[in-house]
Amino acid sequence: MKELNELVKINDSNEIVLKEEVVKKIEEFNNAKKEIEYQEKLLKAGIMEAMETLDLKTLDIGNVHATYKDSYVRKSVDTKKLKEDGLYSIYEKETIVKPSIVLKVGD
């Protein structure tokens, strides 16, 4: 068995093996992240409602700084239409993206 570090190994069948404690930690982190994001969403909604009520554009309380951004119309390019018209490949460019992994816990 090849040891990449103390938590991740590759067995003799060339399969990645994670210790059960690692899987549990990833699940715990994911659940904590979801809860924090939910709480942040509630806080932002409350602050935004208060700022709209008082017609404030900025708010500074302690280390917290909030800036209210009005809604706006975003314009984008219709790549499907450009492809259909044969123009997409003329303006297409390639960018090298660094390797990464995504860890997802089943829901």
C-alpha atoms as a PDB file:
ATOM      1  CA  MET A   1       0.000   0.000   0.000  1.00  0.00           C
ATOM      2  CA  LYS A   2       1.378   3.378  -1.026  1.00  0.00           C
ATOM      3  CA  GLU A   3       1.010   6.072   1.637  1.00  0.00           C
ATOM      4  CA  LEU A   4       0.504   9.604   0.288  1.00  0.00           C
ATOM      5  CA  ASN A   5       0.183  10.937   3.808  1.00  0.00           C
ATOM      6  CA  GLU A   6      -1.153   9.532   7.068  1.00  0.00           C
ATOM      7  CA  LEU A   7      -4.775  10.072   5.970  1.00  0.00           C
ATOM      8  CA  VAL A   8      -4.824   9.068   2.289  1.00  0.00           C
ATOM      9  CA  LYS A   9      -3.462   5.824   0.894  1.00  0.00           C
ATOM     10  CA  ILE A  10      -3.505   3.895  -2.384  1.00  0.00           C
ATOM     11  CA  ASN A  11      -4.009   0.154  -1.882  1.00  0.00           C
ATOM     12  CA  ASP A  12      -2.531  -2.699  -3.933  1.00  0.00           C
ATOM     13  CA  SER A  13      -5.559  -2.542  -6.301  1.00  0.00           C
ATOM     14  CA  ASN A  14      -4.757   1.132  -7.042  1.00  0.00           C
ATOM     15  CA  GLU A  15      -7.810   2.357  -5.154  1.00  0.00           C
ATOM     16  CA  ILE A  16      -7.777   5.450  -2.965  1.00  0.00           C
ATOM     17  CA  VAL A  17      -8.426   4.576   0.666  1.00  0.00           C
ATOM     18  CA  LEU A  18      -9.500   7.214   3.194  1.00  0.00           C
ATOM     19  CA  LYS A  19      -9.562   6.532   6.893  1.00  0.00           C
ATOM     20  CA  GLU A  20     -13.084   6.532   8.324  1.00  0.00           C
ATOM     21  CA  GLU A  21     -12.128   9.468  10.555  1.00  0.00           C
ATOM     22  CA  VAL A  22     -11.276  11.492   7.426  1.00  0.00           C
ATOM     23  CA  VAL A  23     -14.655  10.738   5.849  1.00  0.00           C
ATOM     24  CA  LYS A  24     -16.433  11.720   9.072  1.00  0.00           C
ATOM     25  CA  LYS A  25     -14.420  14.966   9.329  1.00  0.00           C
ATOM     26  CA  ILE A  26     -15.280  15.892   5.727  1.00  0.00           C
ATOM     27  CA  GLU A  27     -18.965  15.252   6.474  1.00  0.00           C
ATOM     28  CA  GLU A  28     -18.759  17.333   9.687  1.00  0.00           C
ATOM     29  CA  PHE A  29     -17.039  20.203   7.868  1.00  0.00           C
ATOM     30  CA  ASN A  30     -19.638  20.090   5.111  1.00  0.00           C
ATOM     31  CA  ASN A  31     -22.538  20.173   7.587  1.00  0.00           C
ATOM     32  CA  ALA A  32     -20.947  23.011   9.559  1.00  0.00           C
ATOM     33  CA  LYS A  33     -20.349  24.938   6.328  1.00  0.00           C
ATOM     34  CA  LYS A  34     -24.014  24.539   5.308  1.00  0.00           C
ATOM     35  CA  GLU A  35     -25.196  25.770   8.703  1.00  0.00           C
ATOM     36  CA  ILE A  36     -22.837  28.757   8.638  1.00  0.00           C
ATOM     37  CA  GLU A  37     -23.928  29.666   5.091  1.00  0.00           C
ATOM     38  CA  TYR A  38     -27.594  29.419   6.143  1.00  0.00           C
ATOM     39  CA  GLN A  39     -27.015  31.662   9.186  1.00  0.00           C
ATOM     40  CA  GLU A  40     -25.071  34.116   7.008  1.00  0.00           C
ATOM     41  CA  LYS A  41     -27.962  34.202   4.519  1.00  0.00           C
ATOM     42  CA  LEU A  42     -30.429  35.018   7.322  1.00  0.00           C
ATOM     43  CA  LEU A  43     -28.176  37.757   8.723  1.00  0.00           C
ATOM     44  CA  LYS A  44     -27.636  39.314   5.294  1.00  0.00           C
ATOM     45  CA  ALA A  45     -31.371  39.286   4.600  1.00  0.00           C
ATOM     46  CA  GLY A  46     -32.081  41.018   7.909  1.00  0.00           C
ATOM     47  CA  ILE A  47     -29.380  43.631   7.394  1.00  0.00           C
ATOM     48  CA  MET A  48     -30.514  44.259   3.821  1.00  0.00           C
ATOM     49  CA  GLU A  49     -34.139  44.702   4.883  1.00  0.00           C
ATOM     50  CA  ALA A  50     -33.102  47.191   7.580  1.00  0.00           C
ATOM     51  CA  MET A  51     -30.864  49.098   5.141  1.00  0.00           C
ATOM     52  CA  GLU A  52     -33.703  49.268   2.598  1.00  0.00           C
ATOM     53  CA  THR A  53     -36.133  50.469   5.282  1.00  0.00           C
ATOM     54  CA  LEU A  54     -33.748  53.251   6.332  1.00  0.00           C
ATOM     55  CA  ASP A  55     -32.553  53.895   2.757  1.00  0.00           C
ATOM     56  CA  LEU A  56     -28.909  53.335   3.757  1.00  0.00           C
ATOM     57  CA  LYS A  57     -26.228  52.544   1.194  1.00  0.00           C
ATOM     58  CA  THR A  58     -23.469  51.754   3.696  1.00  0.00           C
ATOM     59  CA  LEU A  59     -23.396  50.536   7.260  1.00  0.00           C
ATOM     60  CA  ASP A  60     -20.408  50.295   9.615  1.00  0.00           C
ATOM     61  CA  ILE A  61     -20.789  48.624  12.993  1.00  0.00           C
ATOM     62  CA  GLY A  62     -17.553  47.520  14.648  1.00  0.00           C
ATOM     63  CA  ASN A  63     -15.584  45.407  12.176  1.00  0.00           C
ATOM     64  CA  VAL A  64     -18.665  44.829  10.017  1.00  0.00           C
ATOM     65  CA  HIS A  65     -19.024  46.889   6.861  1.00  0.00           C
ATOM     66  CA  ALA A  66     -22.085  46.447   4.637  1.00  0.00           C
ATOM     67  CA  THR A  67     -22.688  48.057   1.260  1.00  0.00           C
ATOM     68  CA  TYR A  68     -26.147  47.940  -0.282  1.00  0.00           C
ATOM     69  CA  LYS A  69     -26.122  47.230  -4.004  1.00  0.00           C
ATOM     70  CA  ASP A  70     -29.206  48.035  -6.039  1.00  0.00           C
ATOM     71  CA  SER A  71     -30.529  45.491  -8.489  1.00  0.00           C
ATOM     72  CA  TYR A  72     -29.369  45.889 -12.086  1.00  0.00           C
ATOM     73  CA  VAL A  73     -29.677  44.304 -15.493  1.00  0.00           C
ATOM     74  CA  ARG A  74     -26.743  42.137 -16.465  1.00  0.00           C
ATOM     75  CA  LYS A  75     -25.957  41.725 -20.138  1.00  0.00           C
ATOM     76  CA  SER A  76     -24.350  38.592 -21.487  1.00  0.00           C
ATOM     77  CA  VAL A  77     -23.371  37.181 -24.848  1.00  0.00           C
ATOM     78  CA  ASP A  78     -25.589  34.535 -26.451  1.00  0.00           C
ATOM     79  CA  THR A  79     -22.916  31.919 -27.163  1.00  0.00           C
ATOM     80  CA  LYS A  80     -25.471  29.497 -28.603  1.00  0.00           C
ATOM     81  CA  LYS A  81     -26.421  32.037 -31.270  1.00  0.00           C
ATOM     82  CA  LEU A  82     -22.771  32.824 -32.003  1.00  0.00           C
ATOM     83  CA  LYS A  83     -22.093  29.109 -32.523  1.00  0.00           C
ATOM     84  CA  GLU A  84     -25.099  28.786 -34.816  1.00  0.00           C
ATOM     85  CA  ASP A  85     -23.857  31.740 -36.872  1.00  0.00           C
ATOM     86  CA  GLY A  86     -20.323  30.299 -37.023  1.00  0.00           C
ATOM     87  CA  LEU A  87     -18.753  33.250 -35.178  1.00  0.00           C
ATOM     88  CA  TYR A  88     -18.022  31.674 -31.807  1.00  0.00           C
ATOM     89  CA  SER A  89     -14.777  29.927 -32.784  1.00  0.00           C
ATOM     90  CA  ILE A  90     -13.327  33.172 -34.147  1.00  0.00           C
ATOM     91  CA  TYR A  91     -13.377  34.794 -30.693  1.00  0.00           C
ATOM     92  CA  GLU A  92     -12.923  31.689 -28.563  1.00  0.00           C
ATOM     93  CA  LYS A  93      -9.848  31.586 -26.330  1.00  0.00           C
ATOM     94  CA  GLU A  94      -8.343  28.882 -24.157  1.00  0.00           C
ATOM     95  CA  THR A  95      -7.163  29.291 -20.583  1.00  0.00           C
ATOM     96  CA  ILE A  96      -5.194  26.746 -18.591  1.00  0.00           C
ATOM     97  CA  VAL A  97      -6.933  25.929 -15.326  1.00  0.00           C
ATOM     98  CA  LYS A  98      -4.961  24.527 -12.393  1.00  0.00           C
ATOM     99  CA  PRO A  99      -5.950  21.046 -11.205  1.00  0.00           C
ATOM    100  CA  SER A 100      -8.257  20.840  -8.216  1.00  0.00           C
ATOM    101  CA  ILE A 101     -10.715  18.504  -6.555  1.00  0.00           C
ATOM    102  CA  VAL A 102     -14.269  18.978  -5.332  1.00  0.00           C
ATOM    103  CA  LEU A 103     -15.367  17.236  -2.154  1.00  0.00           C
ATOM    104  CA  LYS A 104     -19.107  16.690  -1.971  1.00  0.00           C
ATOM    105  CA  VAL A 105     -21.047  14.975   0.750  1.00  0.00           C
ATOM    106  CA  GLY A 106     -24.161  13.139  -0.398  1.00  0.00           C
ATOM    107  CA  ASP A 107     -27.458  14.768   0.455  1.00  0.00           C
END
